[in-house]
Amino acid sequence: MVKEFATAINCIDGRVQKPVAEYMQKSFNVDYVDMITEPGPNKILSEGKDVSIVASLKKKVEISIKKHNSQIIAIVAHYDCAGNPESEDVQKEHLCKAVNVIISWGFPVKKIIALWLDESFKPSIIS
């Protein structure tokens, strides 16, 4: 039986790891979620200032896709983020821009989503 994978570009914050993995497993019927972590990854990707971190994130996503056949990529942001201490609205803008960056990488995946975790760390997809 083939195990299905998804990929999450997630914050390093320990409060968000489990909720994101569980949400993605349940919502997309995957067995595992490869976690690629960085403080405030939505800000890093949307601004594109630190090209070495952006390149590192891209390389890690590529490994997840090539080695685990991941078909879903999530970019994650959350309430009370130390790496991106902006308001919810600004963070959601960063998420939308980050999705466009990930799309520009051209990986052959079925879905790229933006996840927001609220003050109770409940994930939801934003458009």
Foldseek 3Di string as FASTA:
>chain_A
DAFAEAEEAEEPDPVQPVLVFVCCCVVVVGDGYHYRYDQLVLQCQLVVPPVVVVVVVLVVVVCCCVVRVHQEYEYEDEPPGPSDPDDPVVSVVSQVSNQVSVVVSVDRHDYYFYWYQYPVGHIDTDD
